[in-house]
Amino acid sequence: MKLNELTVIMAMMIREMDILKERCEKIIKAGANVVFTCRGLDDIANKYLVEAGILGVRRVDKADIRRICKSTGGICLCLNTFVSSSVI
């Protein structure tokens, strides 16, 4: 697939935004109130989370995330694919 056609590029961008929204909706439906990530947090994803009343904190050291989980009784997930309310 060549990416030189504008329609192909636009379709990919729209699908990427849909995937991002689906992932944020999983986090929202699970009932999280704070999300810590050791990587970046997309501005659009942060917008969805903030609108749902969820605090998104980016670029937190993994050791700090583990400490936070241990002290609060939270859990550390590697992927949000497995997020559900029974896990949170």
PDB file of N, CA and C in Angstrom:
ATOM      1  N   MET A   1       0.836  -1.171   0.000  1.00  0.00           N
ATOM      2  CA  MET A   1       0.000   0.000   0.000  1.00  0.00           C
ATOM      3  C   MET A   1       0.887   1.244   0.000  1.00  0.00           C
ATOM      4  N   LYS A   2       0.632   2.109  -0.928  1.00  0.00           N
ATOM      5  CA  LYS A   2       1.385   3.346  -0.998  1.00  0.00           C
ATOM      6  C   LYS A   2       0.662   4.425  -0.206  1.00  0.00           C
ATOM      7  N   LEU A   3       1.437   5.223   0.502  1.00  0.00           N
ATOM      8  CA  LEU A   3       0.862   6.268   1.338  1.00  0.00           C
ATOM      9  C   LEU A   3       0.886   7.636   0.673  1.00  0.00           C
ATOM     10  N   ASN A   4       0.996   7.641  -0.626  1.00  0.00           N
ATOM     11  CA  ASN A   4       1.065   8.931  -1.299  1.00  0.00           C
ATOM     12  C   ASN A   4      -0.306   9.474  -1.684  1.00  0.00           C
ATOM     13  N   GLU A   5      -1.336   8.679  -1.521  1.00  0.00           N
ATOM     14  CA  GLU A   5      -2.671   9.165  -1.846  1.00  0.00           C
ATOM     15  C   GLU A   5      -3.295   9.782  -0.592  1.00  0.00           C
ATOM     16  N   LEU A   6      -3.859  10.927  -0.735  1.00  0.00           N
ATOM     17  CA  LEU A   6      -4.434  11.658   0.389  1.00  0.00           C
ATOM     18  C   LEU A   6      -5.569  10.882   1.053  1.00  0.00           C
ATOM     19  N   THR A   7      -6.376  10.200   0.272  1.00  0.00           N
ATOM     20  CA  THR A   7      -7.500   9.456   0.850  1.00  0.00           C
ATOM     21  C   THR A   7      -7.017   8.314   1.734  1.00  0.00           C
ATOM     22  N   VAL A   8      -5.936   7.649   1.333  1.00  0.00           N
ATOM     23  CA  VAL A   8      -5.380   6.559   2.129  1.00  0.00           C
ATOM     24  C   VAL A   8      -4.822   7.095   3.440  1.00  0.00           C
ATOM     25  N   ILE A   9      -4.128   8.194   3.368  1.00  0.00           N
ATOM     26  CA  ILE A   9      -3.549   8.805   4.563  1.00  0.00           C
ATOM     27  C   ILE A   9      -4.655   9.266   5.513  1.00  0.00           C
ATOM     28  N   MET A  10      -5.680   9.892   4.976  1.00  0.00           N
ATOM     29  CA  MET A  10      -6.795  10.358   5.811  1.00  0.00           C
ATOM     30  C   MET A  10      -7.528   9.183   6.455  1.00  0.00           C
ATOM     31  N   ALA A  11      -7.721   8.105   5.715  1.00  0.00           N
ATOM     32  CA  ALA A  11      -8.392   6.921   6.264  1.00  0.00           C
ATOM     33  C   ALA A  11      -7.573   6.318   7.401  1.00  0.00           C
ATOM     34  N   MET A  12      -6.260   6.303   7.253  1.00  0.00           N
ATOM     35  CA  MET A  12      -5.398   5.783   8.315  1.00  0.00           C
ATOM     36  C   MET A  12      -5.464   6.675   9.551  1.00  0.00           C
ATOM     37  N   MET A  13      -5.473   7.968   9.360  1.00  0.00           N
ATOM     38  CA  MET A  13      -5.551   8.898  10.492  1.00  0.00           C
ATOM     39  C   MET A  13      -6.873   8.752  11.237  1.00  0.00           C
ATOM     40  N   ILE A  14      -7.961   8.594  10.502  1.00  0.00           N
ATOM     41  CA  ILE A  14      -9.274   8.426  11.121  1.00  0.00           C
ATOM     42  C   ILE A  14      -9.324   7.123  11.907  1.00  0.00           C
ATOM     43  N   ARG A  15      -8.780   6.055  11.341  1.00  0.00           N
ATOM     44  CA  ARG A  15      -8.768   4.758  12.045  1.00  0.00           C
ATOM     45  C   ARG A  15      -7.906   4.843  13.301  1.00  0.00           C
ATOM     46  N   GLU A  16      -6.782   5.541  13.225  1.00  0.00           N
ATOM     47  CA  GLU A  16      -5.918   5.711  14.394  1.00  0.00           C
ATOM     48  C   GLU A  16      -6.660   6.450  15.506  1.00  0.00           C
ATOM     49  N   MET A  17      -7.425   7.456  15.153  1.00  0.00           N
ATOM     50  CA  MET A  17      -8.197   8.201  16.145  1.00  0.00           C
ATOM     51  C   MET A  17      -9.297   7.328  16.751  1.00  0.00           C
ATOM     52  N   ASP A  18      -9.910   6.483  15.927  1.00  0.00           N
ATOM     53  CA  ASP A  18     -10.937   5.570  16.436  1.00  0.00           C
ATOM     54  C   ASP A  18     -10.347   4.578  17.435  1.00  0.00           C
ATOM     55  N   ILE A  19      -9.178   4.043  17.139  1.00  0.00           N
ATOM     56  CA  ILE A  19      -8.512   3.105  18.050  1.00  0.00           C
ATOM     57  C   ILE A  19      -8.184   3.798  19.360  1.00  0.00           C
ATOM     58  N   LEU A  20      -7.694   5.014  19.277  1.00  0.00           N
ATOM     59  CA  LEU A  20      -7.366   5.786  20.474  1.00  0.00           C
ATOM     60  C   LEU A  20      -8.606   6.021  21.335  1.00  0.00           C
ATOM     61  N   LYS A  21      -9.700   6.382  20.705  1.00  0.00           N
ATOM     62  CA  LYS A  21     -10.936   6.618  21.438  1.00  0.00           C
ATOM     63  C   LYS A  21     -11.446   5.321  22.071  1.00  0.00           C
ATOM     64  N   GLU A  22     -11.358   4.201  21.361  1.00  0.00           N
ATOM     65  CA  GLU A  22     -11.782   2.910  21.904  1.00  0.00           C
ATOM     66  C   GLU A  22     -10.973   2.546  23.142  1.00  0.00           C
ATOM     67  N   ARG A  23      -9.677   2.773  23.111  1.00  0.00           N
ATOM     68  CA  ARG A  23      -8.827   2.464  24.262  1.00  0.00           C
ATOM     69  C   ARG A  23      -9.166   3.349  25.448  1.00  0.00           C
ATOM     70  N   CYS A  24      -9.405   4.617  25.185  1.00  0.00           N
ATOM     71  CA  CYS A  24      -9.782   5.527  26.274  1.00  0.00           C
ATOM     72  C   CYS A  24     -11.133   5.133  26.856  1.00  0.00           C
ATOM     73  N   GLU A  25     -12.059   4.718  26.012  1.00  0.00           N
ATOM     74  CA  GLU A  25     -13.376   4.304  26.494  1.00  0.00           C
ATOM     75  C   GLU A  25     -13.267   3.071  27.386  1.00  0.00           C
ATOM     76  N   LYS A  26     -12.345   2.155  27.076  1.00  0.00           N
ATOM     77  CA  LYS A  26     -12.130   0.990  27.937  1.00  0.00           C
ATOM     78  C   LYS A  26     -11.662   1.417  29.326  1.00  0.00           C
ATOM     79  N   ILE A  27     -10.762   2.373  29.363  1.00  0.00           N
ATOM     80  CA  ILE A  27     -10.256   2.871  30.646  1.00  0.00           C
ATOM     81  C   ILE A  27     -11.380   3.570  31.414  1.00  0.00           C
ATOM     82  N   ILE A  28     -12.170   4.361  30.718  1.00  0.00           N
ATOM     83  CA  ILE A  28     -13.264   5.089  31.355  1.00  0.00           C
ATOM     84  C   ILE A  28     -14.307   4.113  31.898  1.00  0.00           C
ATOM     85  N   LYS A  29     -14.688   3.124  31.095  1.00  0.00           N
ATOM     86  CA  LYS A  29     -15.694   2.148  31.522  1.00  0.00           C
ATOM     87  C   LYS A  29     -15.206   1.296  32.687  1.00  0.00           C
ATOM     88  N   ALA A  30     -13.901   1.099  32.785  1.00  0.00           N
ATOM     89  CA  ALA A  30     -13.341   0.285  33.872  1.00  0.00           C
ATOM     90  C   ALA A  30     -13.429   1.011  35.208  1.00  0.00           C
ATOM     91  N   GLY A  31     -13.577   2.320  35.189  1.00  0.00           N
ATOM     92  CA  GLY A  31     -13.746   3.079  36.421  1.00  0.00           C
ATOM     93  C   GLY A  31     -12.463   3.641  37.008  1.00  0.00           C
ATOM     94  N   ALA A  32     -11.436   3.784  36.206  1.00  0.00           N
ATOM     95  CA  ALA A  32     -10.181   4.353  36.706  1.00  0.00           C
ATOM     96  C   ALA A  32     -10.362   5.838  37.003  1.00  0.00           C
ATOM     97  N   ASN A  33      -9.626   6.336  38.029  1.00  0.00           N
ATOM     98  CA  ASN A  33      -9.638   7.776  38.270  1.00  0.00           C
ATOM     99  C   ASN A  33      -8.285   8.415  37.975  1.00  0.00           C
ATOM    100  N   VAL A  34      -7.220   7.597  37.911  1.00  0.00           N
ATOM    101  CA  VAL A  34      -5.888   8.096  37.575  1.00  0.00           C
ATOM    102  C   VAL A  34      -5.216   7.081  36.658  1.00  0.00           C
ATOM    103  N   VAL A  35      -4.501   7.575  35.651  1.00  0.00           N
ATOM    104  CA  VAL A  35      -3.730   6.729  34.753  1.00  0.00           C
ATOM    105  C   VAL A  35      -2.301   7.245  34.740  1.00  0.00           C
ATOM    106  N   PHE A  36      -1.357   6.384  35.148  1.00  0.00           N
ATOM    107  CA  PHE A  36       0.070   6.709  35.093  1.00  0.00           C
ATOM    108  C   PHE A  36       0.669   5.950  33.924  1.00  0.00           C
ATOM    109  N   THR A  37       1.520   6.600  33.169  1.00  0.00           N
ATOM    110  CA  THR A  37       2.196   5.931  32.067  1.00  0.00           C
ATOM    111  C   THR A  37       3.670   6.332  32.058  1.00  0.00           C
ATOM    112  N   CYS A  38       4.517   5.366  31.694  1.00  0.00           N
ATOM    113  CA  CYS A  38       5.944   5.678  31.644  1.00  0.00           C
ATOM    114  C   CYS A  38       6.313   6.274  30.290  1.00  0.00           C
ATOM    115  N   ARG A  39       5.418   6.245  29.365  1.00  0.00           N
ATOM    116  CA  ARG A  39       5.638   6.865  28.061  1.00  0.00           C
ATOM    117  C   ARG A  39       4.787   8.118  27.951  1.00  0.00           C
ATOM    118  N   GLY A  40       4.701   8.622  26.756  1.00  0.00           N
ATOM    119  CA  GLY A  40       3.896   9.814  26.540  1.00  0.00           C
ATOM    120  C   GLY A  40       2.417   9.496  26.531  1.00  0.00           C
ATOM    121  N   LEU A  41       1.615  10.528  26.638  1.00  0.00           N
ATOM    122  CA  LEU A  41       0.162  10.410  26.588  1.00  0.00           C
ATOM    123  C   LEU A  41      -0.312  11.386  25.524  1.00  0.00           C
ATOM    124  N   ASP A  42      -0.952  10.859  24.528  1.00  0.00           N
ATOM    125  CA  ASP A  42      -1.414  11.683  23.413  1.00  0.00           C
ATOM    126  C   ASP A  42      -2.363  12.771  23.917  1.00  0.00           C
ATOM    127  N   ASP A  43      -2.285  13.943  23.311  1.00  0.00           N
ATOM    128  CA  ASP A  43      -3.128  15.065  23.723  1.00  0.00           C
ATOM    129  C   ASP A  43      -4.614  14.748  23.564  1.00  0.00           C
ATOM    130  N   ILE A  44      -4.947  14.058  22.492  1.00  0.00           N
ATOM    131  CA  ILE A  44      -6.354  13.698  22.275  1.00  0.00           C
ATOM    132  C   ILE A  44      -6.808  12.701  23.338  1.00  0.00           C
ATOM    133  N   ALA A  45      -5.957  11.714  23.653  1.00  0.00           N
ATOM    134  CA  ALA A  45      -6.288  10.740  24.693  1.00  0.00           C
ATOM    135  C   ALA A  45      -6.452  11.443  26.028  1.00  0.00           C
ATOM    136  N   ASN A  46      -5.568  12.376  26.315  1.00  0.00           N
ATOM    137  CA  ASN A  46      -5.661  13.134  27.559  1.00  0.00           C
ATOM    138  C   ASN A  46      -6.963  13.924  27.604  1.00  0.00           C
ATOM    139  N   LYS A  47      -7.384  14.461  26.478  1.00  0.00           N
ATOM    140  CA  LYS A  47      -8.650  15.194  26.395  1.00  0.00           C
ATOM    141  C   LYS A  47      -9.819  14.286  26.754  1.00  0.00           C
ATOM    142  N   TYR A  48      -9.865  13.076  26.178  1.00  0.00           N
ATOM    143  CA  TYR A  48     -10.939  12.131  26.485  1.00  0.00           C
ATOM    144  C   TYR A  48     -10.944  11.777  27.973  1.00  0.00           C
ATOM    145  N   LEU A  49      -9.759  11.556  28.538  1.00  0.00           N
ATOM    146  CA  LEU A  49      -9.668  11.181  29.946  1.00  0.00           C
ATOM    147  C   LEU A  49     -10.112  12.329  30.852  1.00  0.00           C
ATOM    148  N   VAL A  50      -9.664  13.537  30.556  1.00  0.00           N
ATOM    149  CA  VAL A  50     -10.024  14.695  31.372  1.00  0.00           C
ATOM    150  C   VAL A  50     -11.526  14.946  31.321  1.00  0.00           C
ATOM    151  N   GLU A  51     -12.125  14.796  30.157  1.00  0.00           N
ATOM    152  CA  GLU A  51     -13.572  14.978  30.034  1.00  0.00           C
ATOM    153  C   GLU A  51     -14.333  13.984  30.896  1.00  0.00           C
ATOM    154  N   ALA A  52     -13.734  12.808  31.134  1.00  0.00           N
ATOM    155  CA  ALA A  52     -14.364  11.782  31.972  1.00  0.00           C
ATOM    156  C   ALA A  52     -13.956  11.915  33.438  1.00  0.00           C
ATOM    157  N   GLY A  53     -13.163  12.928  33.763  1.00  0.00           N
ATOM    158  CA  GLY A  53     -12.747  13.142  35.143  1.00  0.00           C
ATOM    159  C   GLY A  53     -11.583  12.269  35.578  1.00  0.00           C
ATOM    160  N   ILE A  54     -10.793  11.816  34.621  1.00  0.00           N
ATOM    161  CA  ILE A  54      -9.645  10.953  34.912  1.00  0.00           C
ATOM    162  C   ILE A  54      -8.364  11.753  34.718  1.00  0.00           C
ATOM    163  N   LEU A  55      -7.470  11.652  35.704  1.00  0.00           N
ATOM    164  CA  LEU A  55      -6.182  12.333  35.631  1.00  0.00           C
ATOM    165  C   LEU A  55      -5.189  11.438  34.902  1.00  0.00           C
ATOM    166  N   GLY A  56      -4.572  11.929  33.865  1.00  0.00           N
ATOM    167  CA  GLY A  56      -3.546  11.196  33.122  1.00  0.00           C
ATOM    168  C   GLY A  56      -2.181  11.798  33.394  1.00  0.00           C
ATOM    169  N   VAL A  57      -1.270  10.981  33.912  1.00  0.00           N
ATOM    170  CA  VAL A  57       0.076  11.453  34.234  1.00  0.00           C
ATOM    171  C   VAL A  57       1.054  10.718  33.329  1.00  0.00           C
ATOM    172  N   ARG A  58       1.831  11.457  32.576  1.00  0.00           N
ATOM    173  CA  ARG A  58       2.746  10.853  31.610  1.00  0.00           C
ATOM    174  C   ARG A  58       4.190  10.889  32.095  1.00  0.00           C
ATOM    175  N   ARG A  59       4.994  10.017  31.503  1.00  0.00           N
ATOM    176  CA  ARG A  59       6.439   9.935  31.731  1.00  0.00           C
ATOM    177  C   ARG A  59       6.808   9.745  33.205  1.00  0.00           C
ATOM    178  N   VAL A  60       6.121   8.790  33.849  1.00  0.00           N
ATOM    179  CA  VAL A  60       6.422   8.430  35.227  1.00  0.00           C
ATOM    180  C   VAL A  60       7.345   7.216  35.193  1.00  0.00           C
ATOM    181  N   ASP A  61       8.383   7.227  36.009  1.00  0.00           N
ATOM    182  CA  ASP A  61       9.339   6.126  36.051  1.00  0.00           C
ATOM    183  C   ASP A  61       8.634   4.832  36.475  1.00  0.00           C
ATOM    184  N   LYS A  62       9.026   3.703  35.866  1.00  0.00           N
ATOM    185  CA  LYS A  62       8.393   2.421  36.178  1.00  0.00           C
ATOM    186  C   LYS A  62       8.494   2.074  37.657  1.00  0.00           C
ATOM    187  N   ALA A  63       9.625   2.375  38.258  1.00  0.00           N
ATOM    188  CA  ALA A  63       9.795   2.093  39.687  1.00  0.00           C
ATOM    189  C   ALA A  63       8.810   2.913  40.517  1.00  0.00           C
ATOM    190  N   ASP A  64       8.573   4.147  40.109  1.00  0.00           N
ATOM    191  CA  ASP A  64       7.611   4.989  40.812  1.00  0.00           C
ATOM    192  C   ASP A  64       6.186   4.446  40.650  1.00  0.00           C
ATOM    193  N   ILE A  65       5.869   3.961  39.453  1.00  0.00           N
ATOM    194  CA  ILE A  65       4.544   3.378  39.227  1.00  0.00           C
ATOM    195  C   ILE A  65       4.358   2.152  40.125  1.00  0.00           C
ATOM    196  N   ARG A  66       5.378   1.311  40.223  1.00  0.00           N
ATOM    197  CA  ARG A  66       5.287   0.133  41.103  1.00  0.00           C
ATOM    198  C   ARG A  66       5.093   0.548  42.559  1.00  0.00           C
ATOM    199  N   ARG A  67       5.824   1.587  42.994  1.00  0.00           N
ATOM    200  CA  ARG A  67       5.675   2.084  44.365  1.00  0.00           C
ATOM    201  C   ARG A  67       4.267   2.613  44.618  1.00  0.00           C
ATOM    202  N   ILE A  68       3.738   3.341  43.665  1.00  0.00           N
ATOM    203  CA  ILE A  68       2.389   3.876  43.801  1.00  0.00           C
ATOM    204  C   ILE A  68       1.378   2.728  43.900  1.00  0.00           C
ATOM    205  N   CYS A  69       1.535   1.726  43.059  1.00  0.00           N
ATOM    206  CA  CYS A  69       0.635   0.568  43.098  1.00  0.00           C
ATOM    207  C   CYS A  69       0.714  -0.140  44.438  1.00  0.00           C
ATOM    208  N   LYS A  70       1.916  -0.321  44.935  1.00  0.00           N
ATOM    209  CA  LYS A  70       2.105  -1.024  46.200  1.00  0.00           C
ATOM    210  C   LYS A  70       1.493  -0.236  47.356  1.00  0.00           C
ATOM    211  N   SER A  71       1.682   1.063  47.366  1.00  0.00           N
ATOM    212  CA  SER A  71       1.204   1.867  48.497  1.00  0.00           C
ATOM    213  C   SER A  71      -0.299   2.133  48.451  1.00  0.00           C
ATOM    214  N   THR A  72      -0.895   2.099  47.251  1.00  0.00           N
ATOM    215  CA  THR A  72      -2.329   2.390  47.140  1.00  0.00           C
ATOM    216  C   THR A  72      -3.181   1.142  46.959  1.00  0.00           C
ATOM    217  N   GLY A  73      -2.536   0.011  46.742  1.00  0.00           N
ATOM    218  CA  GLY A  73      -3.299  -1.211  46.489  1.00  0.00           C
ATOM    219  C   GLY A  73      -3.763  -1.312  45.049  1.00  0.00           C
ATOM    220  N   GLY A  74      -3.231  -0.456  44.202  1.00  0.00           N
ATOM    221  CA  GLY A  74      -3.584  -0.493  42.782  1.00  0.00           C
ATOM    222  C   GLY A  74      -2.822  -1.591  42.062  1.00  0.00           C
ATOM    223  N   ILE A  75      -3.093  -1.744  40.784  1.00  0.00           N
ATOM    224  CA  ILE A  75      -2.388  -2.740  39.983  1.00  0.00           C
ATOM    225  C   ILE A  75      -1.723  -2.056  38.798  1.00  0.00           C
ATOM    226  N   CYS A  76      -0.678  -2.688  38.329  1.00  0.00           N
ATOM    227  CA  CYS A  76       0.083  -2.171  37.197  1.00  0.00           C
ATOM    228  C   CYS A  76      -0.231  -3.026  35.977  1.00  0.00           C
ATOM    229  N   LEU A  77      -0.766  -2.425  34.934  1.00  0.00           N
ATOM    230  CA  LEU A  77      -1.078  -3.130  33.694  1.00  0.00           C
ATOM    231  C   LEU A  77      -0.124  -2.678  32.611  1.00  0.00           C
ATOM    232  N   CYS A  78       0.317  -3.629  31.807  1.00  0.00           N
ATOM    233  CA  CYS A  78       1.217  -3.283  30.707  1.00  0.00           C
ATOM    234  C   CYS A  78       0.448  -2.747  29.509  1.00  0.00           C
ATOM    235  N   LEU A  79      -0.702  -3.309  29.244  1.00  0.00           N
ATOM    236  CA  LEU A  79      -1.513  -2.887  28.103  1.00  0.00           C
ATOM    237  C   LEU A  79      -2.921  -2.610  28.568  1.00  0.00           C
ATOM    238  N   ASN A  80      -3.558  -1.617  27.991  1.00  0.00           N
ATOM    239  CA  ASN A  80      -4.931  -1.350  28.400  1.00  0.00           C
ATOM    240  C   ASN A  80      -5.923  -2.244  27.668  1.00  0.00           C
ATOM    241  N   THR A  81      -5.431  -3.196  26.896  1.00  0.00           N
ATOM    242  CA  THR A  81      -6.304  -4.144  26.216  1.00  0.00           C
ATOM    243  C   THR A  81      -7.049  -4.994  27.231  1.00  0.00           C
ATOM    244  N   PHE A  82      -6.430  -5.218  28.382  1.00  0.00           N
ATOM    245  CA  PHE A  82      -6.987  -6.105  29.390  1.00  0.00           C
ATOM    246  C   PHE A  82      -7.740  -5.360  30.479  1.00  0.00           C
ATOM    247  N   VAL A  83      -8.000  -4.095  30.293  1.00  0.00           N
ATOM    248  CA  VAL A  83      -8.638  -3.295  31.319  1.00  0.00           C
ATOM    249  C   VAL A  83     -10.116  -3.651  31.401  1.00  0.00           C
ATOM    250  N   SER A  84     -10.563  -3.940  32.608  1.00  0.00           N
ATOM    251  CA  SER A  84     -11.995  -4.138  32.862  1.00  0.00           C
ATOM    252  C   SER A  84     -12.260  -3.724  34.295  1.00  0.00           C
ATOM    253  N   SER A  85     -13.522  -3.535  34.609  1.00  0.00           N
ATOM    254  CA  SER A  85     -13.853  -3.097  35.962  1.00  0.00           C
ATOM    255  C   SER A  85     -13.516  -4.149  36.992  1.00  0.00           C
ATOM    256  N   SER A  86     -13.457  -5.416  36.626  1.00  0.00           N
ATOM    257  CA  SER A  86     -13.097  -6.455  37.595  1.00  0.00           C
ATOM    258  C   SER A  86     -11.617  -6.396  37.950  1.00  0.00           C
ATOM    259  N   VAL A  87     -10.792  -5.864  37.065  1.00  0.00           N
ATOM    260  CA  VAL A  87      -9.369  -5.745  37.324  1.00  0.00           C
ATOM    261  C   VAL A  87      -9.078  -4.543  38.214  1.00  0.00           C
ATOM    262  N   ILE A  88      -9.810  -3.442  37.992  1.00  0.00           N
ATOM    263  CA  ILE A  88      -9.578  -2.206  38.743  1.00  0.00           C
ATOM    264  C   ILE A  88     -10.250  -2.334  40.027  1.00  0.00           C
TER     265      ILE A  88
END
